[in-house]
PDB file of N, CA and C in Angstrom:
ATOM      1  N   MET A   1      74.295 132.208 107.717  1.00  0.00           N
ATOM      2  CA  MET A   1      73.791 131.452 106.594  1.00  0.00           C
ATOM      3  C   MET A   1      73.815 132.277 105.314  1.00  0.00           C
ATOM      4  N   ARG A   2      73.616 133.552 105.459  1.00  0.00           N
ATOM      5  CA  ARG A   2      73.581 134.404 104.270  1.00  0.00           C
ATOM      6  C   ARG A   2      74.918 135.090 104.017  1.00  0.00           C
ATOM      7  N   SER A   3      75.919 134.764 104.838  1.00  0.00           N
ATOM      8  CA  SER A   3      77.272 135.287 104.642  1.00  0.00           C
ATOM      9  C   SER A   3      78.096 134.269 103.878  1.00  0.00           C
ATOM     10  N   ASP A   4      79.262 134.686 103.401  1.00  0.00           N
ATOM     11  CA  ASP A   4      80.151 133.762 102.702  1.00  0.00           C
ATOM     12  C   ASP A   4      80.406 132.530 103.563  1.00  0.00           C
ATOM     13  N   GLY A   5      80.351 131.361 102.962  1.00  0.00           N
ATOM     14  CA  GLY A   5      80.532 130.108 103.686  1.00  0.00           C
ATOM     15  C   GLY A   5      79.277 129.622 104.388  1.00  0.00           C
ATOM     16  N   GLY A   6      78.174 130.327 104.198  1.00  0.00           N
ATOM     17  CA  GLY A   6      76.937 130.000 104.890  1.00  0.00           C
ATOM     18  C   GLY A   6      76.324 128.666 104.524  1.00  0.00           C
ATOM     19  N   TYR A   7      76.668 128.138 103.347  1.00  0.00           N
ATOM     20  CA  TYR A   7      76.092 126.854 102.942  1.00  0.00           C
ATOM     21  C   TYR A   7      76.489 125.745 103.909  1.00  0.00           C
ATOM     22  N   GLU A   8      77.687 125.807 104.449  1.00  0.00           N
ATOM     23  CA  GLU A   8      78.114 124.810 105.444  1.00  0.00           C
ATOM     24  C   GLU A   8      77.298 124.951 106.727  1.00  0.00           C
ATOM     25  N   VAL A   9      76.986 126.171 107.118  1.00  0.00           N
ATOM     26  CA  VAL A   9      76.145 126.417 108.294  1.00  0.00           C
ATOM     27  C   VAL A   9      74.741 125.874 108.036  1.00  0.00           C
ATOM     28  N   ILE A  10      74.236 126.085 106.838  1.00  0.00           N
ATOM     29  CA  ILE A  10      72.914 125.581 106.460  1.00  0.00           C
ATOM     30  C   ILE A  10      72.879 124.061 106.552  1.00  0.00           C
ATOM     31  N   LYS A  11      73.887 123.394 106.022  1.00  0.00           N
ATOM     32  CA  LYS A  11      73.906 121.925 106.060  1.00  0.00           C
ATOM     33  C   LYS A  11      73.957 121.414 107.498  1.00  0.00           C
ATOM     34  N   LYS A  12      74.684 122.088 108.364  1.00  0.00           N
ATOM     35  CA  LYS A  12      74.737 121.685 109.775  1.00  0.00           C
ATOM     36  C   LYS A  12      73.363 121.874 110.430  1.00  0.00           C
ATOM     37  N   ALA A  13      72.710 122.996 110.140  1.00  0.00           N
ATOM     38  CA  ALA A  13      71.379 123.258 110.694  1.00  0.00           C
ATOM     39  C   ALA A  13      70.370 122.216 110.214  1.00  0.00           C
ATOM     40  N   ILE A  14      70.435 121.861 108.946  1.00  0.00           N
ATOM     41  CA  ILE A  14      69.520 120.857 108.404  1.00  0.00           C
ATOM     42  C   ILE A  14      69.778 119.501 109.047  1.00  0.00           C
ATOM     43  N   GLY A  15      71.032 119.176 109.290  1.00  0.00           N
ATOM     44  CA  GLY A  15      71.355 117.930 109.984  1.00  0.00           C
ATOM     45  C   GLY A  15      70.714 117.870 111.357  1.00  0.00           C
ATOM     46  N   LYS A  16      70.724 118.984 112.066  1.00  0.00           N
ATOM     47  CA  LYS A  16      70.088 119.047 113.384  1.00  0.00           C
ATOM     48  C   LYS A  16      68.575 118.874 113.268  1.00  0.00           C
ATOM     49  N   LEU A  17      67.977 119.505 112.259  1.00  0.00           N
ATOM     50  CA  LEU A  17      66.533 119.344 112.055  1.00  0.00           C
ATOM     51  C   LEU A  17      66.178 117.880 111.813  1.00  0.00           C
ATOM     52  N   GLY A  18      67.021 117.182 111.080  1.00  0.00           N
ATOM     53  CA  GLY A  18      66.777 115.764 110.824  1.00  0.00           C
ATOM     54  C   GLY A  18      66.822 114.927 112.084  1.00  0.00           C
ATOM     55  N   LEU A  19      67.719 115.273 112.991  1.00  0.00           N
ATOM     56  CA  LEU A  19      67.832 114.517 114.240  1.00  0.00           C
ATOM     57  C   LEU A  19      66.625 114.724 115.149  1.00  0.00           C
ATOM     58  N   ARG A  20      65.925 115.833 114.987  1.00  0.00           N
ATOM     59  CA  ARG A  20      64.758 116.127 115.830  1.00  0.00           C
ATOM     60  C   ARG A  20      63.454 116.093 115.011  1.00  0.00           C
ATOM     61  N   HIS A  21      63.462 115.317 113.937  1.00  0.00           N
ATOM     62  CA  HIS A  21      62.324 115.270 113.013  1.00  0.00           C
ATOM     63  C   HIS A  21      61.001 114.989 113.727  1.00  0.00           C
ATOM     64  N   ARG A  22      60.952 113.949 114.536  1.00  0.00           N
ATOM     65  CA  ARG A  22      59.680 113.582 115.192  1.00  0.00           C
ATOM     66  C   ARG A  22      59.183 114.682 116.121  1.00  0.00           C
ATOM     67  N   GLU A  23      60.103 115.299 116.850  1.00  0.00           N
ATOM     68  CA  GLU A  23      59.719 116.382 117.755  1.00  0.00           C
ATOM     69  C   GLU A  23      59.131 117.562 116.969  1.00  0.00           C
ATOM     70  N   HIS A  24      59.744 117.874 115.850  1.00  0.00           N
ATOM     71  CA  HIS A  24      59.243 118.974 115.025  1.00  0.00           C
ATOM     72  C   HIS A  24      57.887 118.630 114.416  1.00  0.00           C
ATOM     73  N   ILE A  25      57.733 117.445 113.890  1.00  0.00           N
ATOM     74  CA  ILE A  25      56.451 117.032 113.301  1.00  0.00           C
ATOM     75  C   ILE A  25      55.324 117.167 114.325  1.00  0.00           C
ATOM     76  N   ALA A  26      55.597 116.814 115.569  1.00  0.00           N
ATOM     77  CA  ALA A  26      54.578 116.901 116.617  1.00  0.00           C
ATOM     78  C   ALA A  26      54.110 118.344 116.834  1.00  0.00           C
ATOM     79  N   ALA A  27      54.964 119.315 116.525  1.00  0.00           N
ATOM     80  CA  ALA A  27      54.627 120.724 116.739  1.00  0.00           C
ATOM     81  C   ALA A  27      54.181 121.434 115.465  1.00  0.00           C
ATOM     82  N   TYR A  28      54.184 120.736 114.341  1.00  0.00           N
ATOM     83  CA  TYR A  28      53.979 121.390 113.052  1.00  0.00           C
ATOM     84  C   TYR A  28      52.535 121.416 112.572  1.00  0.00           C
ATOM     85  N   GLY A  29      51.573 121.169 113.442  1.00  0.00           N
ATOM     86  CA  GLY A  29      50.169 121.302 113.080  1.00  0.00           C
ATOM     87  C   GLY A  29      49.440 119.978 113.039  1.00  0.00           C
ATOM     88  N   ASP A  30      48.171 120.033 113.390  1.00  0.00           N
ATOM     89  CA  ASP A  30      47.329 118.839 113.384  1.00  0.00           C
ATOM     90  C   ASP A  30      47.009 118.413 111.954  1.00  0.00           C
ATOM     91  N   GLY A  31      46.924 117.105 111.749  1.00  0.00           N
ATOM     92  CA  GLY A  31      46.527 116.566 110.456  1.00  0.00           C
ATOM     93  C   GLY A  31      47.641 116.447 109.439  1.00  0.00           C
ATOM     94  N   ASN A  32      48.882 116.682 109.847  1.00  0.00           N
ATOM     95  CA  ASN A  32      49.994 116.600 108.898  1.00  0.00           C
ATOM     96  C   ASN A  32      50.144 115.206 108.296  1.00  0.00           C
ATOM     97  N   GLU A  33      49.653 114.192 108.980  1.00  0.00           N
ATOM     98  CA  GLU A  33      49.757 112.834 108.436  1.00  0.00           C
ATOM     99  C   GLU A  33      48.930 112.691 107.154  1.00  0.00           C
ATOM    100  N   ARG A  34      47.900 113.512 107.000  1.00  0.00           N
ATOM    101  CA  ARG A  34      47.096 113.478 105.773  1.00  0.00           C
ATOM    102  C   ARG A  34      47.766 114.256 104.636  1.00  0.00           C
ATOM    103  N   ARG A  35      48.587 115.234 104.970  1.00  0.00           N
ATOM    104  CA  ARG A  35      49.229 116.078 103.960  1.00  0.00           C
ATOM    105  C   ARG A  35      50.604 115.560 103.567  1.00  0.00           C
ATOM    106  N   LEU A  36      51.394 115.120 104.541  1.00  0.00           N
ATOM    107  CA  LEU A  36      52.767 114.669 104.276  1.00  0.00           C
ATOM    108  C   LEU A  36      52.764 113.185 103.927  1.00  0.00           C
ATOM    109  N   THR A  37      52.402 112.897 102.691  1.00  0.00           N
ATOM    110  CA  THR A  37      52.219 111.513 102.243  1.00  0.00           C
ATOM    111  C   THR A  37      53.359 110.995 101.376  1.00  0.00           C
ATOM    112  N   GLY A  38      54.239 111.897 100.956  1.00  0.00           N
ATOM    113  CA  GLY A  38      55.280 111.505 100.011  1.00  0.00           C
ATOM    114  C   GLY A  38      54.853 111.727  98.569  1.00  0.00           C
ATOM    115  N   ARG A  39      53.641 112.216  98.385  1.00  0.00           N
ATOM    116  CA  ARG A  39      53.136 112.547  97.047  1.00  0.00           C
ATOM    117  C   ARG A  39      52.843 114.047  96.997  1.00  0.00           C
ATOM    118  N   HIS A  40      52.593 114.544  95.822  1.00  0.00           N
ATOM    119  CA  HIS A  40      52.185 115.943  95.642  1.00  0.00           C
ATOM    120  C   HIS A  40      53.190 116.922  96.255  1.00  0.00           C
ATOM    121  N   GLU A  41      54.459 116.719  95.939  1.00  0.00           N
ATOM    122  CA  GLU A  41      55.544 117.593  96.385  1.00  0.00           C
ATOM    123  C   GLU A  41      55.644 117.685  97.903  1.00  0.00           C
ATOM    124  N   THR A  42      55.500 116.547  98.575  1.00  0.00           N
ATOM    125  CA  THR A  42      55.741 116.477 100.019  1.00  0.00           C
ATOM    126  C   THR A  42      56.588 115.250 100.313  1.00  0.00           C
ATOM    127  N   ALA A  43      57.302 115.301 101.421  1.00  0.00           N
ATOM    128  CA  ALA A  43      58.011 114.122 101.909  1.00  0.00           C
ATOM    129  C   ALA A  43      57.058 113.335 102.801  1.00  0.00           C
ATOM    130  N   ASP A  44      57.305 112.056 102.951  1.00  0.00           N
ATOM    131  CA  ASP A  44      56.521 111.229 103.856  1.00  0.00           C
ATOM    132  C   ASP A  44      56.739 111.711 105.285  1.00  0.00           C
ATOM    133  N   ILE A  45      55.696 111.720 106.082  1.00  0.00           N
ATOM    134  CA  ILE A  45      55.760 112.234 107.450  1.00  0.00           C
ATOM    135  C   ILE A  45      56.783 111.493 108.316  1.00  0.00           C
ATOM    136  N   ASN A  46      57.044 110.241 108.014  1.00  0.00           N
ATOM    137  CA  ASN A  46      57.961 109.440 108.824  1.00  0.00           C
ATOM    138  C   ASN A  46      59.407 109.503 108.353  1.00  0.00           C
ATOM    139  N   THR A  47      59.660 110.252 107.293  1.00  0.00           N
ATOM    140  CA  THR A  47      60.987 110.297 106.695  1.00  0.00           C
ATOM    141  C   THR A  47      61.471 111.736 106.601  1.00  0.00           C
ATOM    142  N   PHE A  48      62.710 111.975 106.996  1.00  0.00           N
ATOM    143  CA  PHE A  48      63.312 113.297 106.827  1.00  0.00           C
ATOM    144  C   PHE A  48      64.274 113.249 105.650  1.00  0.00           C
ATOM    145  N   VAL A  49      64.038 114.107 104.680  1.00  0.00           N
ATOM    146  CA  VAL A  49      64.872 114.184 103.483  1.00  0.00           C
ATOM    147  C   VAL A  49      65.098 115.662 103.172  1.00  0.00           C
ATOM    148  N   TRP A  50      66.313 115.997 102.793  1.00  0.00           N
ATOM    149  CA  TRP A  50      66.547 117.357 102.322  1.00  0.00           C
ATOM    150  C   TRP A  50      67.228 117.297 100.971  1.00  0.00           C
ATOM    151  N   GLY A  51      67.091 118.368 100.213  1.00  0.00           N
ATOM    152  CA  GLY A  51      67.717 118.390  98.909  1.00  0.00           C
ATOM    153  C   GLY A  51      67.728 119.774  98.305  1.00  0.00           C
ATOM    154  N   VAL A  52      68.578 119.935  97.315  1.00  0.00           N
ATOM    155  CA  VAL A  52      68.686 121.190  96.580  1.00  0.00           C
ATOM    156  C   VAL A  52      67.625 121.191  95.481  1.00  0.00           C
ATOM    157  N   ALA A  53      66.815 122.223  95.467  1.00  0.00           N
ATOM    158  CA  ALA A  53      65.749 122.396  94.475  1.00  0.00           C
ATOM    159  C   ALA A  53      64.790 121.208  94.449  1.00  0.00           C
ATOM    160  N   ASN A  54      64.614 120.561  95.585  1.00  0.00           N
ATOM    161  CA  ASN A  54      63.760 119.378  95.689  1.00  0.00           C
ATOM    162  C   ASN A  54      62.490 119.748  96.441  1.00  0.00           C
ATOM    163  N   ARG A  55      61.424 119.965  95.725  1.00  0.00           N
ATOM    164  CA  ARG A  55      60.161 120.341  96.365  1.00  0.00           C
ATOM    165  C   ARG A  55      59.475 119.165  97.052  1.00  0.00           C
ATOM    166  N   GLY A  56      59.982 117.977  96.858  1.00  0.00           N
ATOM    167  CA  GLY A  56      59.446 116.805  97.537  1.00  0.00           C
ATOM    168  C   GLY A  56      60.196 116.477  98.814  1.00  0.00           C
ATOM    169  N   ALA A  57      61.092 117.349  99.233  1.00  0.00           N
ATOM    170  CA  ALA A  57      61.897 117.113 100.430  1.00  0.00           C
ATOM    171  C   ALA A  57      61.244 117.736 101.658  1.00  0.00           C
ATOM    172  N   SER A  58      61.660 117.283 102.824  1.00  0.00           N
ATOM    173  CA  SER A  58      61.214 117.893 104.078  1.00  0.00           C
ATOM    174  C   SER A  58      61.759 119.312 104.186  1.00  0.00           C
ATOM    175  N   VAL A  59      63.028 119.463 103.817  1.00  0.00           N
ATOM    176  CA  VAL A  59      63.699 120.765 103.824  1.00  0.00           C
ATOM    177  C   VAL A  59      64.325 120.971 102.454  1.00  0.00           C
ATOM    178  N   ARG A  60      64.054 122.120 101.860  1.00  0.00           N
ATOM    179  CA  ARG A  60      64.550 122.427 100.517  1.00  0.00           C
ATOM    180  C   ARG A  60      65.553 123.565 100.578  1.00  0.00           C
ATOM    181  N   VAL A  61      66.647 123.388  99.858  1.00  0.00           N
ATOM    182  CA  VAL A  61      67.651 124.432  99.674  1.00  0.00           C
ATOM    183  C   VAL A  61      67.539 124.892  98.229  1.00  0.00           C
ATOM    184  N   GLY A  62      67.485 126.181  98.024  1.00  0.00           N
ATOM    185  CA  GLY A  62      67.387 126.708  96.669  1.00  0.00           C
ATOM    186  C   GLY A  62      68.667 126.478  95.875  1.00  0.00           C
ATOM    187  N   ARG A  63      68.508 126.337  94.586  1.00  0.00           N
ATOM    188  CA  ARG A  63      69.671 126.122  93.717  1.00  0.00           C
ATOM    189  C   ARG A  63      70.655 127.289  93.813  1.00  0.00           C
ATOM    190  N   ASP A  64      70.153 128.512  93.904  1.00  0.00           N
ATOM    191  CA  ASP A  64      71.032 129.675  94.032  1.00  0.00           C
ATOM    192  C   ASP A  64      71.835 129.631  95.326  1.00  0.00           C
ATOM    193  N   THR A  65      71.238 129.124  96.391  1.00  0.00           N
ATOM    194  CA  THR A  65      71.953 129.008  97.663  1.00  0.00           C
ATOM    195  C   THR A  65      73.143 128.077  97.516  1.00  0.00           C
ATOM    196  N   GLU A  66      72.927 126.935  96.886  1.00  0.00           N
ATOM    197  CA  GLU A  66      74.031 126.003  96.669  1.00  0.00           C
ATOM    198  C   GLU A  66      75.096 126.638  95.771  1.00  0.00           C
ATOM    199  N   LYS A  67      74.665 127.274  94.712  1.00  0.00           N
ATOM    200  CA  LYS A  67      75.585 127.870  93.738  1.00  0.00           C
ATOM    201  C   LYS A  67      76.426 128.984  94.362  1.00  0.00           C
ATOM    202  N   GLU A  68      75.793 129.845  95.157  1.00  0.00           N
ATOM    203  CA  GLU A  68      76.485 130.989  95.744  1.00  0.00           C
ATOM    204  C   GLU A  68      77.198 130.651  97.050  1.00  0.00           C
ATOM    205  N   GLY A  69      76.881 129.476  97.626  1.00  0.00           N
ATOM    206  CA  GLY A  69      77.517 129.075  98.879  1.00  0.00           C
ATOM    207  C   GLY A  69      76.970 129.792 100.094  1.00  0.00           C
ATOM    208  N   LYS A  70      75.817 130.414  99.948  1.00  0.00           N
ATOM    209  CA  LYS A  70      75.155 131.121 101.047  1.00  0.00           C
ATOM    210  C   LYS A  70      73.717 131.385 100.639  1.00  0.00           C
ATOM    211  N   GLY A  71      72.881 131.643 101.635  1.00  0.00           N
ATOM    212  CA  GLY A  71      71.485 131.915 101.316  1.00  0.00           C
ATOM    213  C   GLY A  71      70.550 131.450 102.406  1.00  0.00           C
ATOM    214  N   TYR A  72      69.542 130.669 102.019  1.00  0.00           N
ATOM    215  CA  TYR A  72      68.515 130.251 102.966  1.00  0.00           C
ATOM    216  C   TYR A  72      68.058 128.835 102.640  1.00  0.00           C
ATOM    217  N   PHE A  73      67.268 128.271 103.546  1.00  0.00           N
ATOM    218  CA  PHE A  73      66.601 126.990 103.309  1.00  0.00           C
ATOM    219  C   PHE A  73      65.168 127.135 103.772  1.00  0.00           C
ATOM    220  N   GLU A  74      64.316 126.230 103.339  1.00  0.00           N
ATOM    221  CA  GLU A  74      62.926 126.266 103.785  1.00  0.00           C
ATOM    222  C   GLU A  74      62.518 124.910 104.323  1.00  0.00           C
ATOM    223  N   ASP A  75      61.902 124.937 105.487  1.00  0.00           N
ATOM    224  CA  ASP A  75      61.331 123.734 106.084  1.00  0.00           C
ATOM    225  C   ASP A  75      59.917 123.633 105.536  1.00  0.00           C
ATOM    226  N   ARG A  76      59.649 122.595 104.768  1.00  0.00           N
ATOM    227  CA  ARG A  76      58.372 122.455 104.086  1.00  0.00           C
ATOM    228  C   ARG A  76      57.351 121.628 104.882  1.00  0.00           C
ATOM    229  N   ARG A  77      57.687 121.247 106.105  1.00  0.00           N
ATOM    230  CA  ARG A  77      56.819 120.370 106.888  1.00  0.00           C
ATOM    231  C   ARG A  77      55.702 121.071 107.650  1.00  0.00           C
ATOM    232  N   PRO A  78      55.860 122.305 108.137  1.00  0.00           N
ATOM    233  CA  PRO A  78      54.780 122.908 108.922  1.00  0.00           C
ATOM    234  C   PRO A  78      53.492 123.074 108.117  1.00  0.00           C
ATOM    235  N   ALA A  79      52.373 122.794 108.770  1.00  0.00           N
ATOM    236  CA  ALA A  79      51.055 122.946 108.154  1.00  0.00           C
ATOM    237  C   ALA A  79      50.550 124.371 108.366  1.00  0.00           C
ATOM    238  N   SER A  80      49.524 124.747 107.649  1.00  0.00           N
ATOM    239  CA  SER A  80      48.976 126.103 107.767  1.00  0.00           C
ATOM    240  C   SER A  80      48.320 126.340 109.124  1.00  0.00           C
ATOM    241  N   ASN A  81      47.951 125.279 109.834  1.00  0.00           N
ATOM    242  CA  ASN A  81      47.296 125.440 111.129  1.00  0.00           C
ATOM    243  C   ASN A  81      48.276 125.375 112.301  1.00  0.00           C
ATOM    244  N   MET A  82      49.559 125.447 112.029  1.00  0.00           N
ATOM    245  CA  MET A  82      50.551 125.419 113.106  1.00  0.00           C
ATOM    246  C   MET A  82      50.566 126.761 113.823  1.00  0.00           C
ATOM    247  N   ASP A  83      51.130 126.765 115.024  1.00  0.00           N
ATOM    248  CA  ASP A  83      51.323 128.005 115.771  1.00  0.00           C
ATOM    249  C   ASP A  83      52.665 128.589 115.334  1.00  0.00           C
ATOM    250  N   PRO A  84      52.687 129.715 114.647  1.00  0.00           N
ATOM    251  CA  PRO A  84      53.949 130.239 114.113  1.00  0.00           C
ATOM    252  C   PRO A  84      54.976 130.562 115.187  1.00  0.00           C
ATOM    253  N   TYR A  85      54.528 130.911 116.384  1.00  0.00           N
ATOM    254  CA  TYR A  85      55.466 131.219 117.462  1.00  0.00           C
ATOM    255  C   TYR A  85      56.144 129.950 117.971  1.00  0.00           C
ATOM    256  N   VAL A  86      55.378 128.889 118.096  1.00  0.00           N
ATOM    257  CA  VAL A  86      55.942 127.608 118.534  1.00  0.00           C
ATOM    258  C   VAL A  86      56.920 127.084 117.492  1.00  0.00           C
ATOM    259  N   VAL A  87      56.513 127.102 116.234  1.00  0.00           N
ATOM    260  CA  VAL A  87      57.352 126.552 115.163  1.00  0.00           C
ATOM    261  C   VAL A  87      58.627 127.371 114.985  1.00  0.00           C
ATOM    262  N   THR A  88      58.503 128.683 114.960  1.00  0.00           N
ATOM    263  CA  THR A  88      59.686 129.529 114.796  1.00  0.00           C
ATOM    264  C   THR A  88      60.663 129.340 115.945  1.00  0.00           C
ATOM    265  N   SER A  89      60.153 129.279 117.170  1.00  0.00           N
ATOM    266  CA  SER A  89      61.062 129.091 118.310  1.00  0.00           C
ATOM    267  C   SER A  89      61.702 127.714 118.286  1.00  0.00           C
ATOM    268  N   LEU A  90      60.976 126.699 117.856  1.00  0.00           N
ATOM    269  CA  LEU A  90      61.533 125.349 117.789  1.00  0.00           C
ATOM    270  C   LEU A  90      62.619 125.259 116.715  1.00  0.00           C
ATOM    271  N   ILE A  91      62.385 125.858 115.561  1.00  0.00           N
ATOM    272  CA  ILE A  91      63.401 125.864 114.506  1.00  0.00           C
ATOM    273  C   ILE A  91      64.641 126.624 114.969  1.00  0.00           C
ATOM    274  N   ALA A  92      64.443 127.787 115.586  1.00  0.00           N
ATOM    275  CA  ALA A  92      65.587 128.571 116.074  1.00  0.00           C
ATOM    276  C   ALA A  92      66.357 127.805 117.144  1.00  0.00           C
ATOM    277  N   GLU A  93      65.633 127.207 118.086  1.00  0.00           N
ATOM    278  CA  GLU A  93      66.296 126.436 119.145  1.00  0.00           C
ATOM    279  C   GLU A  93      67.109 125.290 118.552  1.00  0.00           C
ATOM    280  N   THR A  94      66.503 124.535 117.657  1.00  0.00           N
ATOM    281  CA  THR A  94      67.177 123.368 117.080  1.00  0.00           C
ATOM    282  C   THR A  94      68.385 123.768 116.250  1.00  0.00           C
ATOM    283  N   THR A  95      68.243 124.763 115.409  1.00  0.00           N
ATOM    284  CA  THR A  95      69.318 125.090 114.471  1.00  0.00           C
ATOM    285  C   THR A  95      70.419 125.950 115.075  1.00  0.00           C
ATOM    286  N   MET A  96      70.112 126.735 116.106  1.00  0.00           N
ATOM    287  CA  MET A  96      71.120 127.648 116.647  1.00  0.00           C
ATOM    288  C   MET A  96      71.615 127.286 118.038  1.00  0.00           C
ATOM    289  N   LEU A  97      70.769 126.710 118.871  1.00  0.00           N
ATOM    290  CA  LEU A  97      71.139 126.483 120.270  1.00  0.00           C
ATOM    291  C   LEU A  97      71.395 125.027 120.616  1.00  0.00           C
ATOM    292  N   TRP A  98      70.632 124.119 120.034  1.00  0.00           N
ATOM    293  CA  TRP A  98      70.684 122.707 120.398  1.00  0.00           C
ATOM    294  C   TRP A  98      71.950 122.057 119.863  1.00  0.00           C
ATOM    295  N   GLU A  99      72.575 121.258 120.695  1.00  0.00           N
ATOM    296  CA  GLU A  99      73.739 120.481 120.273  1.00  0.00           C
ATOM    297  C   GLU A  99      73.424 119.006 120.471  1.00  0.00           C
ATOM    298  N   PRO A 100      73.557 118.197 119.431  1.00  0.00           N
ATOM    299  CA  PRO A 100      73.276 116.763 119.550  1.00  0.00           C
ATOM    300  C   PRO A 100      74.236 116.098 120.522  1.00  0.00           C
ATOM    301  N   SER A 101      73.724 115.116 121.230  1.00  0.00           N
ATOM    302  CA  SER A 101      74.560 114.315 122.120  1.00  0.00           C
ATOM    303  C   SER A 101      74.654 112.915 121.533  1.00  0.00           C
ATOM    304  N   HIS A 102      75.279 112.007 122.261  1.00  0.00           N
ATOM    305  CA  HIS A 102      75.398 110.630 121.769  1.00  0.00           C
ATOM    306  C   HIS A 102      74.048 109.939 121.717  1.00  0.00           C
ATOM    307  N   SER A 103      73.104 110.413 122.497  1.00  0.00           N
ATOM    308  CA  SER A 103      71.754 109.867 122.460  1.00  0.00           C
ATOM    309  C   SER A 103      70.790 111.029 122.335  1.00  0.00           C
ATOM    310  N   ASN A 104      69.855 110.929 121.419  1.00  0.00           N
ATOM    311  CA  ASN A 104      68.904 112.020 121.217  1.00  0.00           C
ATOM    312  C   ASN A 104      67.610 111.813 121.993  1.00  0.00           C
ATOM    313  N   GLY A 105      67.629 110.923 122.971  1.00  0.00           N
ATOM    314  CA  GLY A 105      66.482 110.751 123.831  1.00  0.00           C
ATOM    315  C   GLY A 105      65.527 109.661 123.415  1.00  0.00           C
ATOM    316  N   ASP A 106      65.708 109.070 122.250  1.00  0.00           N
ATOM    317  CA  ASP A 106      64.786 108.026 121.823  1.00  0.00           C
ATOM    318  C   ASP A 106      65.399 106.640 121.942  1.00  0.00           C
ATOM    319  N   GLY A 107      66.562 106.562 122.601  1.00  0.00           N
ATOM    320  CA  GLY A 107      67.206 105.266 122.778  1.00  0.00           C
ATOM    321  C   GLY A 107      68.124 104.879 121.642  1.00  0.00           C
ATOM    322  N   LYS A 108      68.124 105.669 120.582  1.00  0.00           N
ATOM    323  CA  LYS A 108      68.994 105.392 119.442  1.00  0.00           C
ATOM    324  C   LYS A 108      70.140 106.394 119.468  1.00  0.00           C
ATOM    325  N   GLY A 109      71.315 105.947 119.181  1.00  0.00           N
ATOM    326  CA  GLY A 109      72.450 106.858 119.135  1.00  0.00           C
ATOM    327  C   GLY A 109      72.303 107.836 117.991  1.00  0.00           C
ATOM    328  N   ALA A 110      72.730 109.051 118.199  1.00  0.00           N
ATOM    329  CA  ALA A 110      72.655 110.065 117.154  1.00  0.00           C
ATOM    330  C   ALA A 110      74.007 110.736 117.024  1.00  0.00           C
ATOM    331  N   ALA A 111      74.595 110.611 115.889  1.00  0.00           N
ATOM    332  CA  ALA A 111      75.884 111.248 115.646  1.00  0.00           C
ATOM    333  C   ALA A 111      75.673 112.697 115.239  1.00  0.00           C
ATOM    334  N   ALA A 112      76.607 113.518 115.556  1.00  0.00           N
ATOM    335  CA  ALA A 112      76.545 114.919 115.142  1.00  0.00           C
ATOM    336  C   ALA A 112      76.652 114.995 113.627  1.00  0.00           C
ATOM    337  N   PRO A 113      75.916 115.934 113.011  1.00  0.00           N
ATOM    338  CA  PRO A 113      75.951 116.061 111.546  1.00  0.00           C
ATOM    339  C   PRO A 113      77.301 116.545 111.063  1.00  0.00           C
TER     340      PRO A 113
END
């Protein structure tokens, strides 16, 4: 992600996070439904949105990352009361190890990003 061409890797990782949005929300701390309202620089808890320099998105990519074609992204959904070990392992699993199939387990087809 931080090497040349990393922006494409970032977009693929974010696509995977979107496909597992509900699973991640369930692990991101109690009471997130009160915080993730779609107001006050948050995305609605039921909607996954990402964007460049968008503080109201679920996942934000910095403007410099887009400009340089490499860098980092931030998942803005975890609450302060989340378990950092659970959240970090879930993000790593989803973005690096998990491969989407034709069905993501909820009965709806999920195309690869």
